[in-house]
């Protein structure tokens, strides 16, 4: 029984190898020539149509036949006629060539895979949807960075708070982290902070140096977006990047230390010229909103 399974596997592998070797010699231009000759029913006319010599055209047809391993035409001197196999294969080849051409024409419609945090997405994604086709996913900055390195995403929008090595970084905006509140003239009270990121630690150090005591913290909330929404709907004070504070019409508090600055970066791997042009259009629009 096992010997039978091994023999079956060997036969299958041999067939796949033979198919792979034959398709290596299949050229799209040769297939298009075969289709033209089939419709014109004349090899000479199809040679003229494709700006080829009669001998080059004959060789191209032979390459198509060799790739499929069957005779597709009768090879008569004055008339190009399809064999039964050629008649069956012709519509399939036409459909295949059409799909290839449609793919080339519609390459602008292949979505750009963009990943970023929910906070940055609130600003970026609405502005980009009218510019290009976007396939968007929420990701933490570290996972977004990994997605770029592994080829699972095309662009990641991140802050410049980590060493983003092995990628191209394009600045699309800058601003400050500040304490924000819905009230323009609010008094000092405990604040809402996100996780202990670099910018949060910088705020706490600046506060200690300025006031001589630790920053009073009311709650730790692991989401810039959630802090922003809470501040917009209450009198709470939250530590936020400018782009969120301004979006929700919040006011920087007057009693905070010097704000720390940040840059918004688009990180990506090198791409071909066409894709880079699409990236550049997105980057120009992002610079208008950040």
C-alpha atoms as a PDB file:
ATOM      1  CA  UNK A   1       0.000   0.000   0.000  1.00  0.00           C
ATOM      2  CA  UNK A   2       2.789   2.367   0.920  1.00  0.00           C
ATOM      3  CA  UNK A   3       4.627   1.530  -2.301  1.00  0.00           C
ATOM      4  CA  UNK A   4       1.491   2.483  -4.249  1.00  0.00           C
ATOM      5  CA  UNK A   5       1.290   5.809  -2.430  1.00  0.00           C
ATOM      6  CA  UNK A   6       4.962   6.485  -3.193  1.00  0.00           C
ATOM      7  CA  UNK A   7       4.457   5.648  -6.886  1.00  0.00           C
ATOM      8  CA  UNK A   8       1.408   7.921  -7.050  1.00  0.00           C
ATOM      9  CA  UNK A   9       3.387  10.741  -5.464  1.00  0.00           C
ATOM     10  CA  UNK A  10       6.252  10.285  -7.930  1.00  0.00           C
ATOM     11  CA  UNK A  11       3.864  10.358 -10.890  1.00  0.00           C
ATOM     12  CA  UNK A  12       2.216  13.501  -9.550  1.00  0.00           C
ATOM     13  CA  UNK A  13       5.548  15.228  -9.019  1.00  0.00           C
ATOM     14  CA  UNK A  14       6.703  14.256 -12.504  1.00  0.00           C
ATOM     15  CA  UNK A  15       3.522  15.669 -14.027  1.00  0.00           C
ATOM     16  CA  UNK A  16       3.898  18.953 -12.152  1.00  0.00           C
ATOM     17  CA  UNK A  17       7.545  19.203 -13.164  1.00  0.00           C
ATOM     18  CA  UNK A  18       6.648  18.581 -16.806  1.00  0.00           C
ATOM     19  CA  UNK A  19       3.898  21.203 -16.626  1.00  0.00           C
ATOM     20  CA  UNK A  20       6.228  23.738 -15.037  1.00  0.00           C
ATOM     21  CA  UNK A  21       8.905  23.169 -17.666  1.00  0.00           C
ATOM     22  CA  UNK A  22       6.450  23.559 -20.528  1.00  0.00           C
ATOM     23  CA  UNK A  23       4.897  26.749 -19.180  1.00  0.00           C
ATOM     24  CA  UNK A  24       8.329  28.353 -18.836  1.00  0.00           C
ATOM     25  CA  UNK A  25       8.354  28.720 -22.633  1.00  0.00           C
ATOM     26  CA  UNK A  26       4.839  30.191 -22.842  1.00  0.00           C
ATOM     27  CA  UNK A  27       4.859  33.869 -23.829  1.00  0.00           C
ATOM     28  CA  UNK A  28       1.883  36.192 -23.628  1.00  0.00           C
ATOM     29  CA  UNK A  29       2.841  37.731 -26.981  1.00  0.00           C
ATOM     30  CA  UNK A  30       2.832  34.259 -28.563  1.00  0.00           C
ATOM     31  CA  UNK A  31      -0.622  33.535 -27.153  1.00  0.00           C
ATOM     32  CA  UNK A  32      -1.944  36.864 -28.512  1.00  0.00           C
ATOM     33  CA  UNK A  33      -0.481  35.974 -31.923  1.00  0.00           C
ATOM     34  CA  UNK A  34      -2.181  32.590 -31.834  1.00  0.00           C
ATOM     35  CA  UNK A  35      -5.527  34.236 -31.003  1.00  0.00           C
ATOM     36  CA  UNK A  36      -5.134  36.721 -33.848  1.00  0.00           C
ATOM     37  CA  UNK A  37      -4.275  33.987 -36.342  1.00  0.00           C
ATOM     38  CA  UNK A  38      -7.262  31.946 -35.195  1.00  0.00           C
ATOM     39  CA  UNK A  39      -9.659  34.833 -35.842  1.00  0.00           C
ATOM     40  CA  UNK A  40      -8.061  35.970 -39.124  1.00  0.00           C
ATOM     41  CA  UNK A  41      -7.645  32.342 -40.262  1.00  0.00           C
ATOM     42  CA  UNK A  42      -4.456  33.408 -41.966  1.00  0.00           C
ATOM     43  CA  UNK A  43      -0.929  33.243 -40.571  1.00  0.00           C
ATOM     44  CA  UNK A  44       0.456  35.840 -42.983  1.00  0.00           C
ATOM     45  CA  UNK A  45      -2.161  38.454 -42.041  1.00  0.00           C
ATOM     46  CA  UNK A  46      -1.574  37.868 -38.359  1.00  0.00           C
ATOM     47  CA  UNK A  47       2.195  38.236 -38.927  1.00  0.00           C
ATOM     48  CA  UNK A  48       1.602  41.617 -40.584  1.00  0.00           C
ATOM     49  CA  UNK A  49      -0.780  42.664 -37.792  1.00  0.00           C
ATOM     50  CA  UNK A  50       1.878  41.940 -35.146  1.00  0.00           C
ATOM     51  CA  UNK A  51       4.749  43.337 -37.256  1.00  0.00           C
ATOM     52  CA  UNK A  52       6.523  39.968 -37.468  1.00  0.00           C
ATOM     53  CA  UNK A  53       7.993  37.916 -40.279  1.00  0.00           C
ATOM     54  CA  UNK A  54       6.241  34.765 -41.471  1.00  0.00           C
ATOM     55  CA  UNK A  55       8.964  32.558 -39.992  1.00  0.00           C
ATOM     56  CA  UNK A  56       8.895  34.336 -36.617  1.00  0.00           C
ATOM     57  CA  UNK A  57       5.124  33.919 -36.531  1.00  0.00           C
ATOM     58  CA  UNK A  58       5.367  30.196 -37.280  1.00  0.00           C
ATOM     59  CA  UNK A  59       7.956  29.777 -34.540  1.00  0.00           C
ATOM     60  CA  UNK A  60       5.704  31.588 -32.059  1.00  0.00           C
ATOM     61  CA  UNK A  61       2.787  29.272 -32.861  1.00  0.00           C
ATOM     62  CA  UNK A  62       5.052  26.268 -32.395  1.00  0.00           C
ATOM     63  CA  UNK A  63       6.105  27.565 -28.956  1.00  0.00           C
ATOM     64  CA  UNK A  64       2.438  27.765 -27.920  1.00  0.00           C
ATOM     65  CA  UNK A  65       1.833  24.216 -29.085  1.00  0.00           C
ATOM     66  CA  UNK A  66       4.961  22.992 -27.318  1.00  0.00           C
ATOM     67  CA  UNK A  67       3.856  24.641 -24.076  1.00  0.00           C
ATOM     68  CA  UNK A  68       0.522  22.804 -24.090  1.00  0.00           C
ATOM     69  CA  UNK A  69       1.886  19.622 -25.604  1.00  0.00           C
ATOM     70  CA  UNK A  70      -0.804  19.316 -28.315  1.00  0.00           C
ATOM     71  CA  UNK A  71      -1.260  20.325 -31.937  1.00  0.00           C
ATOM     72  CA  UNK A  72      -3.455  23.439 -32.044  1.00  0.00           C
ATOM     73  CA  UNK A  73      -3.567  24.125 -35.797  1.00  0.00           C
ATOM     74  CA  UNK A  74      -3.231  22.233 -39.088  1.00  0.00           C
ATOM     75  CA  UNK A  75      -0.178  24.190 -40.339  1.00  0.00           C
ATOM     76  CA  UNK A  76      -1.545  24.564 -43.872  1.00  0.00           C
ATOM     77  CA  UNK A  77       0.241  27.042 -46.115  1.00  0.00           C
ATOM     78  CA  UNK A  78      -2.742  29.101 -47.243  1.00  0.00           C
ATOM     79  CA  UNK A  79      -5.143  28.743 -44.365  1.00  0.00           C
ATOM     80  CA  UNK A  80      -4.822  28.754 -40.588  1.00  0.00           C
ATOM     81  CA  UNK A  81      -7.276  26.231 -39.181  1.00  0.00           C
ATOM     82  CA  UNK A  82      -7.614  25.084 -35.591  1.00  0.00           C
ATOM     83  CA  UNK A  83      -7.596  21.480 -34.541  1.00  0.00           C
ATOM     84  CA  UNK A  84     -10.258  20.244 -32.141  1.00  0.00           C
ATOM     85  CA  UNK A  85      -7.857  20.904 -29.249  1.00  0.00           C
ATOM     86  CA  UNK A  86      -7.199  24.409 -30.568  1.00  0.00           C
ATOM     87  CA  UNK A  87     -10.911  25.184 -30.765  1.00  0.00           C
ATOM     88  CA  UNK A  88     -11.392  24.094 -27.153  1.00  0.00           C
ATOM     89  CA  UNK A  89      -8.363  26.034 -25.918  1.00  0.00           C
ATOM     90  CA  UNK A  90      -8.999  29.289 -27.849  1.00  0.00           C
ATOM     91  CA  UNK A  91     -11.762  30.790 -25.630  1.00  0.00           C
ATOM     92  CA  UNK A  92      -9.812  29.883 -22.514  1.00  0.00           C
ATOM     93  CA  UNK A  93      -6.713  31.623 -23.813  1.00  0.00           C
ATOM     94  CA  UNK A  94      -8.768  34.674 -24.768  1.00  0.00           C
ATOM     95  CA  UNK A  95     -10.188  34.854 -21.270  1.00  0.00           C
ATOM     96  CA  UNK A  96      -6.738  34.443 -19.735  1.00  0.00           C
ATOM     97  CA  UNK A  97      -5.255  37.284 -21.823  1.00  0.00           C
ATOM     98  CA  UNK A  98      -8.252  39.494 -20.987  1.00  0.00           C
ATOM     99  CA  UNK A  99      -7.752  38.887 -17.271  1.00  0.00           C
ATOM    100  CA  UNK A 100      -4.076  39.801 -17.574  1.00  0.00           C
ATOM    101  CA  UNK A 101      -4.917  43.044 -19.383  1.00  0.00           C
ATOM    102  CA  UNK A 102      -7.639  43.893 -16.872  1.00  0.00           C
ATOM    103  CA  UNK A 103      -5.155  43.363 -14.060  1.00  0.00           C
ATOM    104  CA  UNK A 104      -2.669  45.749 -15.661  1.00  0.00           C
ATOM    105  CA  UNK A 105      -5.325  48.393 -16.338  1.00  0.00           C
ATOM    106  CA  UNK A 106      -6.737  48.131 -12.814  1.00  0.00           C
ATOM    107  CA  UNK A 107      -3.466  48.111 -10.895  1.00  0.00           C
ATOM    108  CA  UNK A 108      -4.377  51.525  -9.429  1.00  0.00           C
ATOM    109  CA  UNK A 109      -7.343  49.804  -7.785  1.00  0.00           C
ATOM    110  CA  UNK A 110      -5.209  47.352  -5.790  1.00  0.00           C
ATOM    111  CA  UNK A 111      -5.644  48.779  -2.281  1.00  0.00           C
ATOM    112  CA  UNK A 112      -2.752  50.280  -0.384  1.00  0.00           C
ATOM    113  CA  UNK A 113      -2.501  48.421   2.928  1.00  0.00           C
ATOM    114  CA  UNK A 114      -2.264  51.057   5.651  1.00  0.00           C
ATOM    115  CA  UNK A 115      -1.879  50.299   9.364  1.00  0.00           C
ATOM    116  CA  UNK A 116      -1.857  52.668  12.337  1.00  0.00           C
ATOM    117  CA  UNK A 117      -3.389  53.330  15.738  1.00  0.00           C
ATOM    118  CA  UNK A 118      -7.035  54.255  16.219  1.00  0.00           C
ATOM    119  CA  UNK A 119      -6.012  57.777  17.281  1.00  0.00           C
ATOM    120  CA  UNK A 120      -3.995  58.554  14.146  1.00  0.00           C
ATOM    121  CA  UNK A 121      -6.580  56.823  11.965  1.00  0.00           C
ATOM    122  CA  UNK A 122      -9.261  59.305  13.067  1.00  0.00           C
ATOM    123  CA  UNK A 123      -7.305  62.056  11.349  1.00  0.00           C
ATOM    124  CA  UNK A 124      -5.645  60.189   8.492  1.00  0.00           C
ATOM    125  CA  UNK A 125      -8.128  57.710   7.051  1.00  0.00           C
ATOM    126  CA  UNK A 126     -11.048  60.068   6.227  1.00  0.00           C
ATOM    127  CA  UNK A 127      -8.649  62.307   4.304  1.00  0.00           C
ATOM    128  CA  UNK A 128      -7.202  59.434   2.264  1.00  0.00           C
ATOM    129  CA  UNK A 129     -10.352  57.633   1.158  1.00  0.00           C
ATOM    130  CA  UNK A 130     -11.013  60.147  -1.617  1.00  0.00           C
ATOM    131  CA  UNK A 131      -7.392  59.947  -2.819  1.00  0.00           C
ATOM    132  CA  UNK A 132      -6.823  56.220  -3.296  1.00  0.00           C
ATOM    133  CA  UNK A 133      -8.112  52.751  -2.521  1.00  0.00           C
ATOM    134  CA  UNK A 134      -7.172  51.992   1.098  1.00  0.00           C
ATOM    135  CA  UNK A 135      -7.243  48.692   2.982  1.00  0.00           C
ATOM    136  CA  UNK A 136      -6.983  49.890   6.586  1.00  0.00           C
ATOM    137  CA  UNK A 137      -6.307  48.061   9.852  1.00  0.00           C
ATOM    138  CA  UNK A 138      -5.876  49.229  13.454  1.00  0.00           C
ATOM    139  CA  UNK A 139      -2.547  48.170  14.948  1.00  0.00           C
ATOM    140  CA  UNK A 140      -0.320  49.109  17.824  1.00  0.00           C
ATOM    141  CA  UNK A 141       2.836  50.879  16.608  1.00  0.00           C
ATOM    142  CA  UNK A 142       5.094  47.890  17.293  1.00  0.00           C
ATOM    143  CA  UNK A 143       2.821  45.537  15.377  1.00  0.00           C
ATOM    144  CA  UNK A 144       2.425  48.055  12.550  1.00  0.00           C
ATOM    145  CA  UNK A 145       6.212  48.257  12.278  1.00  0.00           C
ATOM    146  CA  UNK A 146       6.469  44.455  12.182  1.00  0.00           C
ATOM    147  CA  UNK A 147       3.786  44.335   9.477  1.00  0.00           C
ATOM    148  CA  UNK A 148       5.918  46.613   7.282  1.00  0.00           C
ATOM    149  CA  UNK A 149       9.062  44.546   7.837  1.00  0.00           C
ATOM    150  CA  UNK A 150       7.242  41.307   7.013  1.00  0.00           C
ATOM    151  CA  UNK A 151       5.556  42.682   3.883  1.00  0.00           C
ATOM    152  CA  UNK A 152       2.082  42.428   5.447  1.00  0.00           C
ATOM    153  CA  UNK A 153       1.384  46.167   5.068  1.00  0.00           C
ATOM    154  CA  UNK A 154       2.484  48.919   2.683  1.00  0.00           C
ATOM    155  CA  UNK A 155       2.445  51.991   4.946  1.00  0.00           C
ATOM    156  CA  UNK A 156       2.403  52.420   8.727  1.00  0.00           C
ATOM    157  CA  UNK A 157       1.676  55.759  10.389  1.00  0.00           C
ATOM    158  CA  UNK A 158       3.584  56.081  13.662  1.00  0.00           C
ATOM    159  CA  UNK A 159       5.089  58.671  15.979  1.00  0.00           C
ATOM    160  CA  UNK A 160       8.837  59.197  16.159  1.00  0.00           C
ATOM    161  CA  UNK A 161       9.085  57.627  19.611  1.00  0.00           C
ATOM    162  CA  UNK A 162      11.035  54.517  18.586  1.00  0.00           C
ATOM    163  CA  UNK A 163      14.024  53.690  16.351  1.00  0.00           C
ATOM    164  CA  UNK A 164      12.257  52.581  13.169  1.00  0.00           C
ATOM    165  CA  UNK A 165      15.163  50.715  11.564  1.00  0.00           C
ATOM    166  CA  UNK A 166      15.168  49.053   8.162  1.00  0.00           C
ATOM    167  CA  UNK A 167      12.410  51.246   6.711  1.00  0.00           C
ATOM    168  CA  UNK A 168      12.014  54.556   4.910  1.00  0.00           C
ATOM    169  CA  UNK A 169      10.491  57.272   7.122  1.00  0.00           C
ATOM    170  CA  UNK A 170       8.691  60.274   5.633  1.00  0.00           C
ATOM    171  CA  UNK A 171       7.568  63.085   7.947  1.00  0.00           C
ATOM    172  CA  UNK A 172       3.909  63.971   7.414  1.00  0.00           C
ATOM    173  CA  UNK A 173       3.236  66.139  10.452  1.00  0.00           C
ATOM    174  CA  UNK A 174       4.464  67.480  13.766  1.00  0.00           C
ATOM    175  CA  UNK A 175       3.002  68.842  16.989  1.00  0.00           C
ATOM    176  CA  UNK A 176       3.126  68.651  20.772  1.00  0.00           C
ATOM    177  CA  UNK A 177       1.820  66.432  23.540  1.00  0.00           C
ATOM    178  CA  UNK A 178      -0.173  68.558  25.965  1.00  0.00           C
ATOM    179  CA  UNK A 179      -2.705  68.402  28.775  1.00  0.00           C
ATOM    180  CA  UNK A 180      -6.128  69.221  27.290  1.00  0.00           C
ATOM    181  CA  UNK A 181      -9.538  70.043  28.715  1.00  0.00           C
ATOM    182  CA  UNK A 182     -12.907  71.107  27.323  1.00  0.00           C
ATOM    183  CA  UNK A 183     -12.846  74.176  29.602  1.00  0.00           C
ATOM    184  CA  UNK A 184     -10.453  76.922  28.546  1.00  0.00           C
ATOM    185  CA  UNK A 185      -9.820  78.077  32.143  1.00  0.00           C
ATOM    186  CA  UNK A 186      -9.683  74.931  34.244  1.00  0.00           C
ATOM    187  CA  UNK A 187      -8.057  74.585  37.641  1.00  0.00           C
ATOM    188  CA  UNK A 188      -5.360  72.113  38.610  1.00  0.00           C
ATOM    189  CA  UNK A 189      -6.640  68.592  39.314  1.00  0.00           C
ATOM    190  CA  UNK A 190      -5.591  64.967  38.667  1.00  0.00           C
ATOM    191  CA  UNK A 191      -5.282  64.049  35.005  1.00  0.00           C
ATOM    192  CA  UNK A 192      -5.908  61.099  32.686  1.00  0.00           C
ATOM    193  CA  UNK A 193      -2.752  59.496  31.326  1.00  0.00           C
ATOM    194  CA  UNK A 194      -2.153  56.743  28.755  1.00  0.00           C
ATOM    195  CA  UNK A 195       0.375  53.950  29.263  1.00  0.00           C
ATOM    196  CA  UNK A 196       3.946  54.736  30.320  1.00  0.00           C
ATOM    197  CA  UNK A 197       5.197  55.708  26.883  1.00  0.00           C
ATOM    198  CA  UNK A 198       8.232  57.901  26.325  1.00  0.00           C
ATOM    199  CA  UNK A 199       6.178  61.090  26.025  1.00  0.00           C
ATOM    200  CA  UNK A 200       4.294  60.318  29.259  1.00  0.00           C
ATOM    201  CA  UNK A 201       7.540  59.825  31.177  1.00  0.00           C
ATOM    202  CA  UNK A 202       8.811  63.117  29.746  1.00  0.00           C
ATOM    203  CA  UNK A 203       5.688  64.922  31.030  1.00  0.00           C
ATOM    204  CA  UNK A 204       6.107  63.436  34.504  1.00  0.00           C
ATOM    205  CA  UNK A 205       9.769  64.440  34.659  1.00  0.00           C
ATOM    206  CA  UNK A 206       9.015  67.990  33.468  1.00  0.00           C
ATOM    207  CA  UNK A 207       6.192  68.288  36.007  1.00  0.00           C
ATOM    208  CA  UNK A 208       8.462  67.156  38.832  1.00  0.00           C
ATOM    209  CA  UNK A 209      11.143  69.648  37.819  1.00  0.00           C
ATOM    210  CA  UNK A 210       8.652  72.523  37.424  1.00  0.00           C
ATOM    211  CA  UNK A 211       6.407  71.993  40.460  1.00  0.00           C
ATOM    212  CA  UNK A 212       8.590  69.967  42.819  1.00  0.00           C
ATOM    213  CA  UNK A 213       6.103  67.133  43.267  1.00  0.00           C
ATOM    214  CA  UNK A 214       4.675  64.271  41.199  1.00  0.00           C
ATOM    215  CA  UNK A 215       1.984  64.871  38.603  1.00  0.00           C
ATOM    216  CA  UNK A 216      -1.413  63.953  40.136  1.00  0.00           C
ATOM    217  CA  UNK A 217      -2.930  61.099  38.114  1.00  0.00           C
ATOM    218  CA  UNK A 218      -6.633  60.251  38.252  1.00  0.00           C
ATOM    219  CA  UNK A 219      -6.577  57.227  35.953  1.00  0.00           C
ATOM    220  CA  UNK A 220      -4.454  55.305  33.484  1.00  0.00           C
ATOM    221  CA  UNK A 221      -6.307  54.702  30.197  1.00  0.00           C
ATOM    222  CA  UNK A 222      -4.441  52.793  27.458  1.00  0.00           C
ATOM    223  CA  UNK A 223      -5.964  54.683  24.526  1.00  0.00           C
ATOM    224  CA  UNK A 224      -5.385  58.186  23.213  1.00  0.00           C
ATOM    225  CA  UNK A 225      -8.771  58.082  21.490  1.00  0.00           C
ATOM    226  CA  UNK A 226     -10.659  57.098  24.644  1.00  0.00           C
ATOM    227  CA  UNK A 227      -8.963  59.834  26.683  1.00  0.00           C
ATOM    228  CA  UNK A 228      -9.867  62.380  23.983  1.00  0.00           C
ATOM    229  CA  UNK A 229     -13.516  61.281  23.925  1.00  0.00           C
ATOM    230  CA  UNK A 230     -13.770  61.420  27.731  1.00  0.00           C
ATOM    231  CA  UNK A 231     -12.323  64.938  27.788  1.00  0.00           C
ATOM    232  CA  UNK A 232     -14.694  66.069  25.031  1.00  0.00           C
ATOM    233  CA  UNK A 233     -17.728  64.868  27.010  1.00  0.00           C
ATOM    234  CA  UNK A 234     -16.694  65.930  30.526  1.00  0.00           C
ATOM    235  CA  UNK A 235     -14.468  68.346  32.431  1.00  0.00           C
ATOM    236  CA  UNK A 236     -11.638  65.819  32.774  1.00  0.00           C
ATOM    237  CA  UNK A 237      -8.083  66.732  31.831  1.00  0.00           C
ATOM    238  CA  UNK A 238      -6.171  64.358  29.572  1.00  0.00           C
ATOM    239  CA  UNK A 239      -2.706  64.108  28.070  1.00  0.00           C
ATOM    240  CA  UNK A 240      -3.075  64.076  24.275  1.00  0.00           C
ATOM    241  CA  UNK A 241      -1.271  64.731  21.000  1.00  0.00           C
ATOM    242  CA  UNK A 242      -2.240  68.019  19.340  1.00  0.00           C
ATOM    243  CA  UNK A 243      -4.004  66.396  16.410  1.00  0.00           C
ATOM    244  CA  UNK A 244      -6.606  64.819  18.713  1.00  0.00           C
ATOM    245  CA  UNK A 245      -6.984  67.814  20.992  1.00  0.00           C
ATOM    246  CA  UNK A 246      -7.584  70.165  18.083  1.00  0.00           C
ATOM    247  CA  UNK A 247      -9.934  67.737  16.315  1.00  0.00           C
ATOM    248  CA  UNK A 248     -12.270  67.685  19.337  1.00  0.00           C
ATOM    249  CA  UNK A 249     -11.999  71.412  20.078  1.00  0.00           C
ATOM    250  CA  UNK A 250     -10.188  70.984  23.400  1.00  0.00           C
ATOM    251  CA  UNK A 251      -8.029  73.624  25.092  1.00  0.00           C
ATOM    252  CA  UNK A 252      -4.467  73.234  26.422  1.00  0.00           C
ATOM    253  CA  UNK A 253      -4.378  73.891  30.177  1.00  0.00           C
ATOM    254  CA  UNK A 254      -2.369  76.927  31.226  1.00  0.00           C
ATOM    255  CA  UNK A 255      -0.543  75.427  34.223  1.00  0.00           C
ATOM    256  CA  UNK A 256       1.321  72.627  32.452  1.00  0.00           C
ATOM    257  CA  UNK A 257       5.104  72.475  31.864  1.00  0.00           C
ATOM    258  CA  UNK A 258       6.670  72.995  28.437  1.00  0.00           C
ATOM    259  CA  UNK A 259       4.978  70.567  26.001  1.00  0.00           C
ATOM    260  CA  UNK A 260       7.072  67.821  24.393  1.00  0.00           C
ATOM    261  CA  UNK A 261       7.200  67.711  20.613  1.00  0.00           C
ATOM    262  CA  UNK A 262       6.529  64.804  18.259  1.00  0.00           C
ATOM    263  CA  UNK A 263       6.582  63.998  14.559  1.00  0.00           C
ATOM    264  CA  UNK A 264       4.118  61.815  12.670  1.00  0.00           C
ATOM    265  CA  UNK A 265       5.947  59.494  10.285  1.00  0.00           C
ATOM    266  CA  UNK A 266       4.865  57.318   7.394  1.00  0.00           C
ATOM    267  CA  UNK A 267       7.168  54.312   7.374  1.00  0.00           C
ATOM    268  CA  UNK A 268       7.402  51.891   4.455  1.00  0.00           C
ATOM    269  CA  UNK A 269       9.778  49.702   2.466  1.00  0.00           C
ATOM    270  CA  UNK A 270      11.150  50.663  -0.939  1.00  0.00           C
ATOM    271  CA  UNK A 271       8.669  50.299  -3.789  1.00  0.00           C
ATOM    272  CA  UNK A 272       8.481  50.541  -7.553  1.00  0.00           C
ATOM    273  CA  UNK A 273       8.027  53.900  -9.255  1.00  0.00           C
ATOM    274  CA  UNK A 274       4.296  53.542  -9.787  1.00  0.00           C
ATOM    275  CA  UNK A 275       3.565  52.600  -6.182  1.00  0.00           C
ATOM    276  CA  UNK A 276       5.864  55.348  -4.908  1.00  0.00           C
ATOM    277  CA  UNK A 277       3.816  57.880  -6.873  1.00  0.00           C
ATOM    278  CA  UNK A 278       0.679  56.637  -5.118  1.00  0.00           C
ATOM    279  CA  UNK A 279       2.446  56.890  -1.758  1.00  0.00           C
ATOM    280  CA  UNK A 280       3.554  60.457  -2.509  1.00  0.00           C
ATOM    281  CA  UNK A 281      -0.030  61.537  -3.249  1.00  0.00           C
ATOM    282  CA  UNK A 282      -1.138  60.119   0.093  1.00  0.00           C
ATOM    283  CA  UNK A 283       1.750  61.775   1.937  1.00  0.00           C
ATOM    284  CA  UNK A 284       0.937  65.180   0.427  1.00  0.00           C
ATOM    285  CA  UNK A 285      -2.676  64.875   1.631  1.00  0.00           C
ATOM    286  CA  UNK A 286      -1.576  63.733   5.095  1.00  0.00           C
ATOM    287  CA  UNK A 287       0.669  66.767   5.428  1.00  0.00           C
ATOM    288  CA  UNK A 288      -2.409  68.947   4.918  1.00  0.00           C
ATOM    289  CA  UNK A 289      -4.302  67.342   7.809  1.00  0.00           C
ATOM    290  CA  UNK A 290      -1.566  66.898  10.426  1.00  0.00           C
END
